[in-house]
Amino acid sequence: MKKPTHLDRRGKARMVDVGDKPASSRRAVASVRVRLGKALRDRLFAGDLPKGDAVLVARLAGIQGAKLTSQLVPLCHPLPLDHVDIRVLPVEDGVRIEAEARTRASTGVEMEALTGAAVAALALVDMVKGVERGVVVTDLRLEIKEGGKSGRWVREGTEEP
C-alpha cells in the first residue's frame, strides 16, 4: 500500500509539494445525476421554467465551480485551467451532467472536474426547486483521468464524451 501523500510524518494533513514535478497535459471528466420527473425534465430542455434558462445557469455555475476548486477544497492546488466544459444531458430519470477540465500543470484536474459537476448540479436544483421539491443529486464520480505519471484511467463502462 502506498504511503498517504496528504499526511506529514506526524500524520497531520498537508498540501503535497508538487514544485519539482514536471508540468504535463492533464484532463479529467466527472459526472453526476440529477433525478427529476419527466415533466420537469421536458420543461427544463424546452426552456420553460419560471427562473429562466436553467441549463445555461448550470453550465456557467459548473465552470465557475471548477475555477474555484482550490478555494473550496482545502488541500487542492490552484490550477491554471485551459478549458472547462459542462454538458447537461437528458436521461430517462432526469439529467446527467458531465464536467471536463483540462490544464497543463504538475498536478491533476480530477477535483476541478468533480467540483464543476457538483456545482452545476446544485445550481440546477436551485433553478428547479420551485417547480419540484423532490429533486435528488446522486452518483457524483470521476469517469476519466489523463496525464501525469499514472497516465490514463477510465472507469469501467464509461464512454468517451
N, C-alpha and C. Protein backbone atom coordinates (compact mmCIF):
# COMPACT_ATOMS: atom_id res chain seq x y z
N MET A 1 0.84 -1.17 0.00
CA MET A 1 0.00 0.00 0.00
C MET A 1 0.89 1.24 0.00
N LYS A 2 0.52 2.22 -0.84
CA LYS A 2 1.31 3.44 -0.95
C LYS A 2 1.16 4.31 0.30
N LYS A 3 2.22 5.03 0.60
CA LYS A 3 2.21 5.98 1.72
C LYS A 3 1.25 7.13 1.39
N PRO A 4 0.39 7.53 2.33
CA PRO A 4 -0.53 8.65 2.06
C PRO A 4 0.24 9.93 1.73
N THR A 5 -0.14 10.58 0.65
CA THR A 5 0.60 11.77 0.20
C THR A 5 0.18 13.04 0.92
N HIS A 6 -1.01 13.05 1.49
CA HIS A 6 -1.51 14.28 2.12
C HIS A 6 -1.32 14.28 3.64
N LEU A 7 -0.42 13.42 4.13
CA LEU A 7 -0.12 13.40 5.57
C LEU A 7 1.37 13.61 5.76
N ASP A 8 1.73 14.41 6.78
CA ASP A 8 3.15 14.59 7.09
C ASP A 8 3.62 13.43 7.97
N ARG A 9 4.86 13.49 8.45
CA ARG A 9 5.43 12.40 9.26
C ARG A 9 4.66 12.14 10.54
N ARG A 10 3.97 13.16 11.04
CA ARG A 10 3.21 13.01 12.28
C ARG A 10 1.74 12.67 12.03
N GLY A 11 1.38 12.44 10.76
CA GLY A 11 0.01 12.09 10.43
C GLY A 11 -0.93 13.28 10.30
N LYS A 12 -0.39 14.48 10.20
CA LYS A 12 -1.19 15.70 10.05
C LYS A 12 -1.40 15.99 8.57
N ALA A 13 -2.58 16.50 8.25
CA ALA A 13 -2.89 16.85 6.86
C ALA A 13 -1.96 17.94 6.36
N ARG A 14 -1.55 17.82 5.09
CA ARG A 14 -0.67 18.81 4.49
C ARG A 14 -0.95 18.88 2.99
N MET A 15 -0.57 19.98 2.40
CA MET A 15 -0.65 20.12 0.95
C MET A 15 0.59 19.46 0.36
N VAL A 16 0.40 18.66 -0.67
CA VAL A 16 1.52 17.96 -1.31
C VAL A 16 2.38 18.97 -2.07
N ASP A 17 3.69 18.83 -1.97
CA ASP A 17 4.62 19.69 -2.70
C ASP A 17 4.78 19.13 -4.12
N VAL A 18 4.28 19.85 -5.10
CA VAL A 18 4.39 19.41 -6.49
C VAL A 18 5.40 20.26 -7.27
N GLY A 19 6.16 21.08 -6.55
CA GLY A 19 7.08 22.02 -7.18
C GLY A 19 8.13 21.39 -8.07
N ASP A 20 8.56 20.18 -7.78
CA ASP A 20 9.59 19.53 -8.59
C ASP A 20 9.03 18.63 -9.68
N LYS A 21 7.71 18.49 -9.72
CA LYS A 21 7.11 17.64 -10.75
C LYS A 21 7.02 18.41 -12.06
N PRO A 22 7.29 17.74 -13.18
CA PRO A 22 7.18 18.45 -14.46
C PRO A 22 5.71 18.70 -14.83
N ALA A 23 5.48 19.81 -15.48
CA ALA A 23 4.13 20.11 -15.98
C ALA A 23 3.85 19.19 -17.16
N SER A 24 2.62 18.74 -17.24
CA SER A 24 2.20 17.94 -18.39
C SER A 24 0.72 18.21 -18.66
N SER A 25 0.27 17.83 -19.83
CA SER A 25 -1.14 18.00 -20.17
C SER A 25 -1.96 17.02 -19.35
N ARG A 26 -3.04 17.53 -18.77
CA ARG A 26 -3.88 16.71 -17.91
C ARG A 26 -5.34 16.98 -18.23
N ARG A 27 -6.16 15.96 -18.10
CA ARG A 27 -7.58 16.07 -18.41
C ARG A 27 -8.35 15.16 -17.46
N ALA A 28 -9.53 15.62 -17.06
CA ALA A 28 -10.40 14.78 -16.24
C ALA A 28 -11.84 15.03 -16.64
N VAL A 29 -12.64 13.98 -16.57
CA VAL A 29 -14.08 14.08 -16.83
C VAL A 29 -14.79 13.47 -15.64
N ALA A 30 -15.77 14.19 -15.12
CA ALA A 30 -16.59 13.70 -14.00
C ALA A 30 -18.05 13.79 -14.40
N SER A 31 -18.89 13.07 -13.69
CA SER A 31 -20.32 13.14 -13.98
C SER A 31 -21.11 13.10 -12.69
N VAL A 32 -22.36 13.52 -12.80
CA VAL A 32 -23.31 13.49 -11.68
C VAL A 32 -24.70 13.38 -12.28
N ARG A 33 -25.61 12.80 -11.54
CA ARG A 33 -27.01 12.70 -11.98
C ARG A 33 -27.88 13.59 -11.13
N VAL A 34 -28.87 14.18 -11.77
CA VAL A 34 -29.90 14.92 -11.06
C VAL A 34 -31.21 14.24 -11.42
N ARG A 35 -31.80 13.58 -10.44
CA ARG A 35 -33.05 12.86 -10.68
C ARG A 35 -34.22 13.82 -10.51
N LEU A 36 -35.06 13.84 -11.54
CA LEU A 36 -36.26 14.67 -11.52
C LEU A 36 -37.31 14.05 -12.41
N GLY A 37 -38.53 14.49 -12.27
CA GLY A 37 -39.63 13.94 -13.03
C GLY A 37 -39.55 14.26 -14.51
N LYS A 38 -40.21 13.42 -15.32
CA LYS A 38 -40.18 13.59 -16.77
C LYS A 38 -40.76 14.94 -17.20
N ALA A 39 -41.85 15.36 -16.57
CA ALA A 39 -42.47 16.64 -16.95
C ALA A 39 -41.50 17.79 -16.71
N LEU A 40 -40.80 17.77 -15.58
CA LEU A 40 -39.82 18.82 -15.29
C LEU A 40 -38.65 18.73 -16.24
N ARG A 41 -38.17 17.53 -16.51
CA ARG A 41 -37.07 17.37 -17.46
C ARG A 41 -37.43 17.96 -18.82
N ASP A 42 -38.64 17.68 -19.28
CA ASP A 42 -39.08 18.22 -20.57
C ASP A 42 -39.15 19.74 -20.54
N ARG A 43 -39.67 20.29 -19.46
CA ARG A 43 -39.73 21.76 -19.32
C ARG A 43 -38.33 22.37 -19.27
N LEU A 44 -37.42 21.69 -18.59
CA LEU A 44 -36.04 22.16 -18.46
C LEU A 44 -35.41 22.35 -19.84
N PHE A 45 -35.54 21.33 -20.69
CA PHE A 45 -34.90 21.40 -22.01
C PHE A 45 -35.71 22.21 -23.02
N ALA A 46 -36.95 22.51 -22.70
CA ALA A 46 -37.76 23.40 -23.54
C ALA A 46 -37.53 24.86 -23.16
N GLY A 47 -36.81 25.09 -22.06
CA GLY A 47 -36.58 26.46 -21.60
C GLY A 47 -37.81 27.09 -20.98
N ASP A 48 -38.69 26.25 -20.42
CA ASP A 48 -39.98 26.70 -19.89
C ASP A 48 -40.01 26.62 -18.36
N LEU A 49 -39.11 27.36 -17.69
CA LEU A 49 -39.08 27.36 -16.24
C LEU A 49 -39.22 28.78 -15.71
N PRO A 50 -39.83 28.95 -14.55
CA PRO A 50 -40.06 30.28 -14.01
C PRO A 50 -38.78 31.11 -13.80
N LYS A 51 -37.68 30.45 -13.45
CA LYS A 51 -36.43 31.18 -13.20
C LYS A 51 -35.61 31.39 -14.47
N GLY A 52 -36.05 30.88 -15.60
CA GLY A 52 -35.31 31.09 -16.85
C GLY A 52 -34.54 29.87 -17.30
N ASP A 53 -33.45 30.10 -18.02
CA ASP A 53 -32.67 29.05 -18.67
C ASP A 53 -31.79 28.32 -17.65
N ALA A 54 -32.34 27.28 -17.05
CA ALA A 54 -31.64 26.53 -16.00
C ALA A 54 -30.42 25.80 -16.53
N VAL A 55 -30.46 25.34 -17.77
CA VAL A 55 -29.31 24.63 -18.34
C VAL A 55 -28.13 25.60 -18.47
N LEU A 56 -28.38 26.79 -18.97
CA LEU A 56 -27.31 27.79 -19.09
C LEU A 56 -26.73 28.14 -17.71
N VAL A 57 -27.60 28.36 -16.74
CA VAL A 57 -27.14 28.70 -15.39
C VAL A 57 -26.30 27.55 -14.82
N ALA A 58 -26.73 26.32 -15.00
CA ALA A 58 -25.97 25.17 -14.50
C ALA A 58 -24.60 25.10 -15.17
N ARG A 59 -24.55 25.32 -16.48
CA ARG A 59 -23.27 25.28 -17.19
C ARG A 59 -22.31 26.36 -16.66
N LEU A 60 -22.81 27.58 -16.51
CA LEU A 60 -21.97 28.67 -16.02
C LEU A 60 -21.52 28.41 -14.58
N ALA A 61 -22.42 27.91 -13.74
CA ALA A 61 -22.07 27.61 -12.35
C ALA A 61 -21.00 26.52 -12.29
N GLY A 62 -21.12 25.51 -13.14
CA GLY A 62 -20.13 24.43 -13.16
C GLY A 62 -18.75 24.93 -13.56
N ILE A 63 -18.71 25.80 -14.55
CA ILE A 63 -17.42 26.38 -14.97
C ILE A 63 -16.83 27.19 -13.81
N GLN A 64 -17.65 28.01 -13.18
CA GLN A 64 -17.17 28.82 -12.06
C GLN A 64 -16.73 27.92 -10.90
N GLY A 65 -17.48 26.87 -10.63
CA GLY A 65 -17.11 25.95 -9.56
C GLY A 65 -15.76 25.31 -9.81
N ALA A 66 -15.52 24.87 -11.04
CA ALA A 66 -14.22 24.26 -11.38
C ALA A 66 -13.09 25.26 -11.15
N LYS A 67 -13.31 26.52 -11.54
CA LYS A 67 -12.30 27.55 -11.38
C LYS A 67 -12.00 27.86 -9.91
N LEU A 68 -12.98 27.64 -9.04
CA LEU A 68 -12.83 27.97 -7.62
C LEU A 68 -12.48 26.77 -6.74
N THR A 69 -12.16 25.64 -7.33
CA THR A 69 -11.95 24.41 -6.57
C THR A 69 -10.95 24.58 -5.42
N SER A 70 -9.83 25.21 -5.67
CA SER A 70 -8.81 25.32 -4.62
C SER A 70 -9.28 26.19 -3.45
N GLN A 71 -10.29 27.01 -3.68
CA GLN A 71 -10.85 27.81 -2.58
C GLN A 71 -11.88 27.02 -1.78
N LEU A 72 -12.41 25.95 -2.36
CA LEU A 72 -13.45 25.16 -1.72
C LEU A 72 -12.92 23.89 -1.06
N VAL A 73 -11.90 23.29 -1.66
CA VAL A 73 -11.34 22.03 -1.17
C VAL A 73 -9.95 22.34 -0.60
N PRO A 74 -9.78 22.24 0.71
CA PRO A 74 -8.61 22.79 1.39
C PRO A 74 -7.24 22.40 0.86
N LEU A 75 -7.01 21.17 0.44
CA LEU A 75 -5.66 20.76 0.06
C LEU A 75 -5.42 20.76 -1.45
N CYS A 76 -6.34 21.30 -2.22
CA CYS A 76 -6.16 21.38 -3.67
C CYS A 76 -5.27 22.56 -4.05
N HIS A 77 -4.43 22.32 -5.05
CA HIS A 77 -3.60 23.39 -5.59
C HIS A 77 -4.42 24.26 -6.53
N PRO A 78 -4.18 25.56 -6.55
CA PRO A 78 -4.84 26.39 -7.57
C PRO A 78 -4.22 26.06 -8.93
N LEU A 79 -5.06 25.79 -9.91
CA LEU A 79 -4.56 25.39 -11.23
C LEU A 79 -4.97 26.39 -12.31
N PRO A 80 -4.09 26.58 -13.28
CA PRO A 80 -4.47 27.40 -14.43
C PRO A 80 -5.28 26.53 -15.41
N LEU A 81 -6.56 26.64 -15.37
CA LEU A 81 -7.40 25.80 -16.23
C LEU A 81 -7.35 26.31 -17.67
N ASP A 82 -7.06 25.40 -18.59
CA ASP A 82 -7.06 25.75 -20.00
C ASP A 82 -8.45 25.64 -20.60
N HIS A 83 -9.26 24.75 -20.03
CA HIS A 83 -10.59 24.52 -20.59
C HIS A 83 -11.47 23.84 -19.56
N VAL A 84 -12.73 24.28 -19.50
CA VAL A 84 -13.75 23.60 -18.71
C VAL A 84 -15.00 23.54 -19.58
N ASP A 85 -15.58 22.37 -19.68
CA ASP A 85 -16.82 22.20 -20.44
C ASP A 85 -17.82 21.47 -19.55
N ILE A 86 -19.02 22.00 -19.49
CA ILE A 86 -20.10 21.39 -18.72
C ILE A 86 -21.20 21.02 -19.71
N ARG A 87 -21.56 19.73 -19.72
CA ARG A 87 -22.62 19.26 -20.60
C ARG A 87 -23.80 18.79 -19.76
N VAL A 88 -24.98 19.27 -20.08
CA VAL A 88 -26.21 18.89 -19.36
C VAL A 88 -27.03 18.07 -20.35
N LEU A 89 -27.21 16.79 -20.04
CA LEU A 89 -27.81 15.85 -20.99
C LEU A 89 -29.07 15.22 -20.41
N PRO A 90 -30.13 15.10 -21.20
CA PRO A 90 -31.33 14.42 -20.70
C PRO A 90 -31.09 12.91 -20.63
N VAL A 91 -31.57 12.31 -19.55
CA VAL A 91 -31.56 10.85 -19.39
C VAL A 91 -32.93 10.46 -18.88
N GLU A 92 -33.20 9.16 -18.85
CA GLU A 92 -34.55 8.68 -18.53
C GLU A 92 -35.07 9.20 -17.19
N ASP A 93 -34.21 9.20 -16.16
CA ASP A 93 -34.68 9.60 -14.84
C ASP A 93 -34.33 11.04 -14.47
N GLY A 94 -33.97 11.85 -15.47
CA GLY A 94 -33.67 13.25 -15.21
C GLY A 94 -32.58 13.81 -16.09
N VAL A 95 -31.44 14.13 -15.46
CA VAL A 95 -30.35 14.81 -16.17
C VAL A 95 -29.02 14.19 -15.75
N ARG A 96 -28.12 14.07 -16.69
CA ARG A 96 -26.73 13.69 -16.42
C ARG A 96 -25.89 14.90 -16.77
N ILE A 97 -25.04 15.30 -15.84
CA ILE A 97 -24.14 16.42 -16.07
C ILE A 97 -22.74 15.87 -16.19
N GLU A 98 -22.03 16.25 -17.24
CA GLU A 98 -20.63 15.87 -17.42
C GLU A 98 -19.78 17.13 -17.35
N ALA A 99 -18.71 17.06 -16.60
CA ALA A 99 -17.78 18.19 -16.49
C ALA A 99 -16.40 17.71 -16.94
N GLU A 100 -15.82 18.45 -17.86
CA GLU A 100 -14.48 18.15 -18.36
C GLU A 100 -13.57 19.32 -18.05
N ALA A 101 -12.40 19.03 -17.47
CA ALA A 101 -11.42 20.07 -17.16
C ALA A 101 -10.08 19.67 -17.75
N ARG A 102 -9.36 20.68 -18.28
CA ARG A 102 -8.02 20.45 -18.84
C ARG A 102 -7.06 21.52 -18.36
N THR A 103 -5.82 21.11 -18.18
CA THR A 103 -4.76 22.03 -17.79
C THR A 103 -3.42 21.49 -18.27
N ARG A 104 -2.42 22.32 -18.17
CA ARG A 104 -1.03 21.89 -18.30
C ARG A 104 -0.38 22.32 -17.00
N ALA A 105 -0.16 21.35 -16.12
CA ALA A 105 0.32 21.66 -14.77
C ALA A 105 1.05 20.45 -14.19
N SER A 106 1.50 20.58 -12.94
CA SER A 106 2.22 19.48 -12.30
C SER A 106 1.34 18.67 -11.36
N THR A 107 0.04 18.89 -11.42
CA THR A 107 -0.90 18.06 -10.68
C THR A 107 -2.21 17.97 -11.47
N GLY A 108 -3.01 16.97 -11.17
CA GLY A 108 -4.18 16.66 -11.99
C GLY A 108 -5.38 17.57 -11.74
N VAL A 109 -6.39 17.41 -12.60
CA VAL A 109 -7.60 18.24 -12.56
C VAL A 109 -8.85 17.43 -12.18
N GLU A 110 -8.65 16.29 -11.51
CA GLU A 110 -9.80 15.48 -11.12
C GLU A 110 -10.75 16.25 -10.20
N MET A 111 -10.21 16.95 -9.22
CA MET A 111 -11.07 17.68 -8.28
C MET A 111 -11.79 18.83 -8.96
N GLU A 112 -11.18 19.44 -9.95
CA GLU A 112 -11.84 20.52 -10.69
C GLU A 112 -13.02 19.98 -11.49
N ALA A 113 -12.84 18.83 -12.12
CA ALA A 113 -13.95 18.22 -12.86
C ALA A 113 -15.07 17.81 -11.91
N LEU A 114 -14.73 17.18 -10.79
CA LEU A 114 -15.74 16.77 -9.81
C LEU A 114 -16.47 17.98 -9.22
N THR A 115 -15.74 19.03 -8.90
CA THR A 115 -16.36 20.22 -8.33
C THR A 115 -17.25 20.90 -9.36
N GLY A 116 -16.79 20.96 -10.60
CA GLY A 116 -17.61 21.54 -11.66
C GLY A 116 -18.93 20.81 -11.82
N ALA A 117 -18.88 19.49 -11.80
CA ALA A 117 -20.11 18.69 -11.93
C ALA A 117 -21.03 18.93 -10.73
N ALA A 118 -20.46 18.93 -9.53
CA ALA A 118 -21.26 19.09 -8.32
C ALA A 118 -21.93 20.47 -8.27
N VAL A 119 -21.18 21.51 -8.58
CA VAL A 119 -21.74 22.86 -8.52
C VAL A 119 -22.79 23.05 -9.61
N ALA A 120 -22.58 22.48 -10.78
CA ALA A 120 -23.59 22.56 -11.84
C ALA A 120 -24.89 21.90 -11.37
N ALA A 121 -24.77 20.74 -10.71
CA ALA A 121 -25.95 20.04 -10.21
C ALA A 121 -26.67 20.88 -9.15
N LEU A 122 -25.93 21.49 -8.26
CA LEU A 122 -26.55 22.32 -7.22
C LEU A 122 -27.25 23.52 -7.82
N ALA A 123 -26.65 24.14 -8.81
CA ALA A 123 -27.28 25.28 -9.47
C ALA A 123 -28.57 24.85 -10.17
N LEU A 124 -28.54 23.67 -10.78
CA LEU A 124 -29.74 23.16 -11.43
C LEU A 124 -30.86 22.94 -10.41
N VAL A 125 -30.52 22.36 -9.26
CA VAL A 125 -31.51 22.16 -8.20
C VAL A 125 -32.10 23.51 -7.79
N ASP A 126 -31.25 24.50 -7.62
CA ASP A 126 -31.73 25.83 -7.23
C ASP A 126 -32.70 26.40 -8.26
N MET A 127 -32.43 26.14 -9.52
CA MET A 127 -33.27 26.69 -10.59
C MET A 127 -34.62 25.98 -10.71
N VAL A 128 -34.72 24.72 -10.25
CA VAL A 128 -35.97 23.96 -10.43
C VAL A 128 -36.72 23.68 -9.13
N LYS A 129 -36.15 24.01 -7.99
CA LYS A 129 -36.76 23.62 -6.71
C LYS A 129 -38.15 24.20 -6.50
N GLY A 130 -38.47 25.32 -7.13
CA GLY A 130 -39.80 25.89 -7.00
C GLY A 130 -40.85 25.13 -7.78
N VAL A 131 -40.41 24.33 -8.75
CA VAL A 131 -41.32 23.54 -9.57
C VAL A 131 -41.46 22.12 -9.01
N GLU A 132 -40.34 21.57 -8.54
CA GLU A 132 -40.33 20.21 -8.00
C GLU A 132 -39.37 20.14 -6.82
N ARG A 133 -39.88 19.87 -5.65
CA ARG A 133 -39.06 19.88 -4.43
C ARG A 133 -38.27 18.58 -4.23
N GLY A 134 -38.66 17.49 -4.84
CA GLY A 134 -38.05 16.19 -4.58
C GLY A 134 -36.87 15.84 -5.45
N VAL A 135 -36.21 16.82 -6.04
CA VAL A 135 -35.06 16.56 -6.90
C VAL A 135 -33.91 15.98 -6.07
N VAL A 136 -33.21 14.99 -6.63
CA VAL A 136 -32.13 14.31 -5.93
C VAL A 136 -30.85 14.38 -6.77
N VAL A 137 -29.75 14.75 -6.13
CA VAL A 137 -28.43 14.73 -6.76
C VAL A 137 -27.75 13.44 -6.32
N THR A 138 -27.22 12.67 -7.29
CA THR A 138 -26.66 11.37 -6.96
C THR A 138 -25.52 11.00 -7.91
N ASP A 139 -24.74 10.04 -7.49
CA ASP A 139 -23.71 9.40 -8.34
C ASP A 139 -22.65 10.35 -8.86
N LEU A 140 -22.15 11.25 -8.03
CA LEU A 140 -21.01 12.08 -8.43
C LEU A 140 -19.78 11.18 -8.51
N ARG A 141 -19.10 11.19 -9.68
CA ARG A 141 -17.96 10.28 -9.82
C ARG A 141 -17.01 10.72 -10.93
N LEU A 142 -15.77 10.31 -10.78
CA LEU A 142 -14.76 10.53 -11.81
C LEU A 142 -14.95 9.47 -12.89
N GLU A 143 -14.93 9.89 -14.14
CA GLU A 143 -15.10 8.96 -15.27
C GLU A 143 -13.77 8.70 -15.98
N ILE A 144 -13.00 9.77 -16.21
CA ILE A 144 -11.75 9.66 -16.97
C ILE A 144 -10.71 10.56 -16.32
N LYS A 145 -9.47 10.09 -16.27
CA LYS A 145 -8.34 10.89 -15.81
C LYS A 145 -7.19 10.61 -16.77
N GLU A 146 -6.59 11.68 -17.27
CA GLU A 146 -5.47 11.52 -18.21
C GLU A 146 -4.32 12.43 -17.81
N GLY A 147 -3.10 11.94 -18.06
CA GLY A 147 -1.90 12.75 -17.85
C GLY A 147 -1.18 12.40 -16.57
N GLY A 148 -0.03 13.02 -16.43
CA GLY A 148 0.78 12.77 -15.24
C GLY A 148 1.45 11.42 -15.26
N LYS A 149 2.10 11.09 -14.16
CA LYS A 149 2.87 9.85 -14.05
C LYS A 149 2.01 8.60 -14.19
N SER A 150 0.78 8.66 -13.69
CA SER A 150 -0.07 7.46 -13.73
C SER A 150 -0.79 7.28 -15.06
N GLY A 151 -0.70 8.25 -15.96
CA GLY A 151 -1.26 8.08 -17.29
C GLY A 151 -2.77 8.18 -17.37
N ARG A 152 -3.36 7.28 -18.12
CA ARG A 152 -4.80 7.32 -18.40
C ARG A 152 -5.55 6.29 -17.56
N TRP A 153 -6.67 6.70 -17.01
CA TRP A 153 -7.57 5.82 -16.28
C TRP A 153 -8.99 6.11 -16.76
N VAL A 154 -9.75 5.05 -17.06
CA VAL A 154 -11.13 5.19 -17.48
C VAL A 154 -11.99 4.25 -16.63
N ARG A 155 -13.04 4.80 -16.03
CA ARG A 155 -13.96 3.98 -15.25
C ARG A 155 -14.57 2.93 -16.18
N GLU A 156 -14.65 1.70 -15.71
CA GLU A 156 -15.25 0.63 -16.49
C GLU A 156 -16.68 1.02 -16.90
N GLY A 157 -16.99 0.86 -18.17
CA GLY A 157 -18.31 1.19 -18.69
C GLY A 157 -18.48 2.62 -19.16
N THR A 158 -17.43 3.44 -18.97
CA THR A 158 -17.51 4.84 -19.40
C THR A 158 -17.24 4.96 -20.89
N GLU A 159 -18.08 5.72 -21.57
CA GLU A 159 -17.87 6.01 -22.98
C GLU A 159 -17.21 7.38 -23.08
N GLU A 160 -16.31 7.51 -24.02
CA GLU A 160 -15.61 8.79 -24.23
C GLU A 160 -16.61 9.87 -24.62
N PRO A 161 -16.66 10.99 -23.85
CA PRO A 161 -17.57 12.08 -24.23
C PRO A 161 -17.08 12.85 -25.44
